[in-house]
Amino acid sequence: MAKRASTRRVNRYQRRSLARRQDHAQQIVDRLKQEFPVAECALQHRNAYELLAATILSAQCTDERVNKVTPNLFRQYPDVQSLAIAQQA
């Protein structure tokens, strides 16, 4: 029995050069900045760790509630390492 040739299609985006993909990404960013010039995050944070934790919590309740509880959370667990070794309740 003869083997069939692969019929897998290559995504058009994957065939583009890195420079072309970077240019396309920049066009998207420019459009978003034009459409939303004053985009701000409602979650209070000082660094990427705090933003990530607050974002995860915001999936379960309101941003307002997250902003009320995270100051105490970040006092107890100021970084990823301290949170990683925390005892689960």
N, C-alpha and C. Protein backbone atom coordinates (compact mmCIF):
# COMPACT_ATOMS: atom_id res chain seq x y z
N MET A 1 0.84 -1.18 0.00
CA MET A 1 0.00 0.00 0.00
C MET A 1 0.89 1.25 0.00
N ALA A 2 0.60 2.16 -0.86
CA ALA A 2 1.38 3.39 -0.98
C ALA A 2 1.05 4.35 0.16
N LYS A 3 2.08 5.05 0.61
CA LYS A 3 1.86 6.05 1.67
C LYS A 3 1.24 7.30 1.07
N ARG A 4 0.29 7.85 1.81
CA ARG A 4 -0.32 9.11 1.34
C ARG A 4 0.59 10.27 1.69
N ALA A 5 0.60 11.22 0.83
CA ALA A 5 1.36 12.45 1.12
C ALA A 5 0.68 13.17 2.26
N SER A 6 1.47 13.83 3.05
CA SER A 6 0.93 14.57 4.18
C SER A 6 -0.01 15.66 3.68
N THR A 7 -1.17 15.71 4.29
CA THR A 7 -2.15 16.73 3.88
C THR A 7 -2.22 17.86 4.90
N ARG A 8 -1.29 17.86 5.85
CA ARG A 8 -1.30 18.90 6.87
C ARG A 8 -1.03 20.26 6.22
N ARG A 9 -1.86 21.19 6.54
CA ARG A 9 -1.68 22.54 6.01
C ARG A 9 -0.76 23.33 6.94
N VAL A 10 0.00 24.19 6.35
CA VAL A 10 0.86 25.07 7.13
C VAL A 10 0.11 26.38 7.31
N ASN A 11 0.01 26.79 8.54
CA ASN A 11 -0.65 28.04 8.86
C ASN A 11 0.05 29.19 8.13
N ARG A 12 -0.73 30.06 7.51
CA ARG A 12 -0.15 31.20 6.80
C ARG A 12 0.73 32.03 7.71
N TYR A 13 0.32 32.20 8.96
CA TYR A 13 1.07 33.03 9.89
C TYR A 13 2.44 32.41 10.18
N GLN A 14 2.51 31.09 10.24
CA GLN A 14 3.78 30.42 10.52
C GLN A 14 4.78 30.59 9.39
N ARG A 15 4.31 30.79 8.19
CA ARG A 15 5.20 30.94 7.04
C ARG A 15 5.81 32.33 6.95
N ARG A 16 5.27 33.28 7.68
CA ARG A 16 5.79 34.64 7.62
C ARG A 16 7.14 34.73 8.33
N SER A 17 7.96 35.63 7.86
CA SER A 17 9.27 35.82 8.49
C SER A 17 9.09 36.47 9.86
N LEU A 18 10.11 36.34 10.68
CA LEU A 18 10.06 36.94 12.01
C LEU A 18 9.85 38.44 11.91
N ALA A 19 10.55 39.09 11.02
CA ALA A 19 10.42 40.55 10.87
C ALA A 19 8.99 40.92 10.49
N ARG A 20 8.39 40.14 9.63
CA ARG A 20 7.01 40.44 9.20
C ARG A 20 6.03 40.23 10.36
N ARG A 21 6.25 39.17 11.16
CA ARG A 21 5.37 38.94 12.31
C ARG A 21 5.53 40.04 13.36
N GLN A 22 6.78 40.48 13.57
CA GLN A 22 7.01 41.57 14.52
C GLN A 22 6.34 42.86 14.05
N ASP A 23 6.42 43.13 12.77
CA ASP A 23 5.77 44.31 12.20
C ASP A 23 4.25 44.23 12.39
N HIS A 24 3.70 43.06 12.15
CA HIS A 24 2.25 42.86 12.31
C HIS A 24 1.85 43.06 13.78
N ALA A 25 2.65 42.52 14.69
CA ALA A 25 2.37 42.69 16.12
C ALA A 25 2.42 44.16 16.51
N GLN A 26 3.40 44.89 15.98
CA GLN A 26 3.51 46.31 16.29
C GLN A 26 2.31 47.09 15.75
N GLN A 27 1.82 46.72 14.58
CA GLN A 27 0.62 47.36 14.02
C GLN A 27 -0.57 47.15 14.94
N ILE A 28 -0.70 45.96 15.50
CA ILE A 28 -1.80 45.67 16.42
C ILE A 28 -1.67 46.52 17.68
N VAL A 29 -0.46 46.59 18.23
CA VAL A 29 -0.23 47.41 19.43
C VAL A 29 -0.56 48.87 19.14
N ASP A 30 -0.12 49.37 18.00
CA ASP A 30 -0.40 50.77 17.63
C ASP A 30 -1.90 51.03 17.52
N ARG A 31 -2.62 50.08 16.92
CA ARG A 31 -4.08 50.23 16.80
C ARG A 31 -4.75 50.23 18.17
N LEU A 32 -4.31 49.35 19.04
CA LEU A 32 -4.89 49.29 20.38
C LEU A 32 -4.62 50.59 21.15
N LYS A 33 -3.40 51.12 21.02
CA LYS A 33 -3.07 52.38 21.69
C LYS A 33 -3.93 53.53 21.15
N GLN A 34 -4.21 53.50 19.85
CA GLN A 34 -5.04 54.53 19.25
C GLN A 34 -6.49 54.39 19.74
N GLU A 35 -6.97 53.17 19.80
CA GLU A 35 -8.35 52.92 20.21
C GLU A 35 -8.57 53.14 21.70
N PHE A 36 -7.57 52.80 22.50
CA PHE A 36 -7.67 52.90 23.96
C PHE A 36 -6.47 53.67 24.50
N PRO A 37 -6.42 54.98 24.30
CA PRO A 37 -5.23 55.76 24.67
C PRO A 37 -4.98 55.84 26.18
N VAL A 38 -6.01 55.70 26.98
CA VAL A 38 -5.85 55.81 28.43
C VAL A 38 -6.27 54.49 29.08
N ALA A 39 -5.73 53.40 28.61
CA ALA A 39 -6.06 52.09 29.17
C ALA A 39 -5.33 51.93 30.50
N GLU A 40 -6.08 51.66 31.55
CA GLU A 40 -5.50 51.47 32.87
C GLU A 40 -6.03 50.19 33.48
N CYS A 41 -5.24 49.61 34.33
CA CYS A 41 -5.64 48.39 35.03
C CYS A 41 -6.29 48.78 36.35
N ALA A 42 -7.45 48.22 36.63
CA ALA A 42 -8.16 48.53 37.87
C ALA A 42 -7.54 47.84 39.08
N LEU A 43 -6.71 46.85 38.84
CA LEU A 43 -6.08 46.11 39.93
C LEU A 43 -4.84 46.85 40.41
N GLN A 44 -4.74 47.03 41.71
CA GLN A 44 -3.59 47.71 42.29
C GLN A 44 -2.44 46.72 42.40
N HIS A 45 -1.27 47.10 41.87
CA HIS A 45 -0.11 46.22 41.90
C HIS A 45 1.16 47.05 41.77
N ARG A 46 2.27 46.48 42.25
CA ARG A 46 3.56 47.15 42.16
C ARG A 46 4.55 46.41 41.28
N ASN A 47 4.23 45.17 40.95
CA ASN A 47 5.15 44.38 40.13
C ASN A 47 4.38 43.25 39.43
N ALA A 48 5.08 42.50 38.63
CA ALA A 48 4.44 41.44 37.83
C ALA A 48 3.82 40.35 38.71
N TYR A 49 4.50 40.00 39.80
CA TYR A 49 3.96 38.99 40.73
C TYR A 49 2.61 39.43 41.28
N GLU A 50 2.54 40.66 41.76
CA GLU A 50 1.29 41.16 42.34
C GLU A 50 0.19 41.24 41.28
N LEU A 51 0.53 41.66 40.08
CA LEU A 51 -0.47 41.73 39.01
C LEU A 51 -0.98 40.34 38.66
N LEU A 52 -0.10 39.37 38.56
CA LEU A 52 -0.52 38.01 38.24
C LEU A 52 -1.44 37.46 39.32
N ALA A 53 -1.04 37.60 40.58
CA ALA A 53 -1.87 37.09 41.69
C ALA A 53 -3.22 37.80 41.72
N ALA A 54 -3.23 39.11 41.56
CA ALA A 54 -4.48 39.87 41.57
C ALA A 54 -5.37 39.48 40.40
N THR A 55 -4.78 39.23 39.25
CA THR A 55 -5.55 38.83 38.07
C THR A 55 -6.21 37.48 38.30
N ILE A 56 -5.48 36.54 38.88
CA ILE A 56 -6.04 35.22 39.18
C ILE A 56 -7.20 35.36 40.16
N LEU A 57 -7.01 36.17 41.19
CA LEU A 57 -8.08 36.37 42.18
C LEU A 57 -9.29 37.07 41.56
N SER A 58 -9.06 37.97 40.62
CA SER A 58 -10.17 38.73 40.03
C SER A 58 -11.09 37.86 39.20
N ALA A 59 -10.64 36.67 38.84
CA ALA A 59 -11.53 35.75 38.12
C ALA A 59 -12.61 35.20 39.04
N GLN A 60 -12.39 35.30 40.35
CA GLN A 60 -13.33 34.74 41.32
C GLN A 60 -14.21 35.79 42.00
N CYS A 61 -13.82 37.05 41.91
CA CYS A 61 -14.62 38.11 42.55
C CYS A 61 -14.34 39.43 41.84
N THR A 62 -14.83 40.51 42.39
CA THR A 62 -14.68 41.81 41.73
C THR A 62 -13.28 42.38 41.95
N ASP A 63 -12.87 43.26 41.05
CA ASP A 63 -11.59 43.94 41.20
C ASP A 63 -11.56 44.75 42.50
N GLU A 64 -12.70 45.33 42.86
CA GLU A 64 -12.78 46.10 44.10
C GLU A 64 -12.45 45.22 45.30
N ARG A 65 -13.01 44.03 45.35
CA ARG A 65 -12.74 43.10 46.45
C ARG A 65 -11.28 42.66 46.44
N VAL A 66 -10.75 42.40 45.27
CA VAL A 66 -9.35 41.99 45.15
C VAL A 66 -8.45 43.08 45.71
N ASN A 67 -8.74 44.34 45.38
CA ASN A 67 -7.93 45.45 45.87
C ASN A 67 -8.03 45.61 47.39
N LYS A 68 -9.10 45.11 47.99
CA LYS A 68 -9.24 45.17 49.45
C LYS A 68 -8.42 44.08 50.14
N VAL A 69 -8.33 42.91 49.54
CA VAL A 69 -7.66 41.79 50.21
C VAL A 69 -6.18 41.64 49.87
N THR A 70 -5.76 42.14 48.73
CA THR A 70 -4.37 41.92 48.33
C THR A 70 -3.32 42.65 49.17
N PRO A 71 -3.59 43.83 49.74
CA PRO A 71 -2.54 44.43 50.57
C PRO A 71 -2.10 43.50 51.71
N ASN A 72 -3.06 42.87 52.39
CA ASN A 72 -2.71 41.94 53.47
C ASN A 72 -2.02 40.69 52.91
N LEU A 73 -2.53 40.19 51.80
CA LEU A 73 -1.93 39.02 51.16
C LEU A 73 -0.47 39.29 50.81
N PHE A 74 -0.19 40.46 50.24
CA PHE A 74 1.18 40.77 49.82
C PHE A 74 2.08 41.15 51.00
N ARG A 75 1.50 41.55 52.13
CA ARG A 75 2.30 41.74 53.35
C ARG A 75 2.77 40.37 53.86
N GLN A 76 1.85 39.40 53.85
CA GLN A 76 2.19 38.04 54.31
C GLN A 76 3.11 37.32 53.34
N TYR A 77 2.87 37.50 52.06
CA TYR A 77 3.62 36.80 51.01
C TYR A 77 4.13 37.83 50.00
N PRO A 78 5.22 38.51 50.33
CA PRO A 78 5.69 39.61 49.48
C PRO A 78 6.30 39.20 48.15
N ASP A 79 6.59 37.92 47.99
CA ASP A 79 7.18 37.48 46.72
C ASP A 79 6.74 36.05 46.40
N VAL A 80 7.10 35.61 45.23
CA VAL A 80 6.69 34.29 44.75
C VAL A 80 7.22 33.19 45.66
N GLN A 81 8.46 33.32 46.11
CA GLN A 81 9.06 32.29 46.95
C GLN A 81 8.29 32.10 48.25
N SER A 82 7.91 33.19 48.90
CA SER A 82 7.17 33.08 50.16
C SER A 82 5.79 32.49 49.94
N LEU A 83 5.18 32.79 48.83
CA LEU A 83 3.87 32.21 48.51
C LEU A 83 4.01 30.72 48.20
N ALA A 84 5.09 30.35 47.54
CA ALA A 84 5.30 28.95 47.15
C ALA A 84 5.45 28.03 48.36
N ILE A 85 6.01 28.53 49.46
CA ILE A 85 6.21 27.68 50.63
C ILE A 85 5.10 27.83 51.67
N ALA A 86 4.08 28.61 51.34
CA ALA A 86 2.96 28.82 52.27
C ALA A 86 2.20 27.52 52.49
N GLN A 87 1.71 27.34 53.70
CA GLN A 87 0.88 26.17 54.03
C GLN A 87 -0.51 26.36 53.43
N GLN A 88 -1.04 25.32 52.83
CA GLN A 88 -2.39 25.39 52.29
C GLN A 88 -3.39 25.24 53.42
N ALA A 89 -4.48 25.98 53.33
CA ALA A 89 -5.52 25.92 54.37
C ALA A 89 -6.37 24.67 54.21
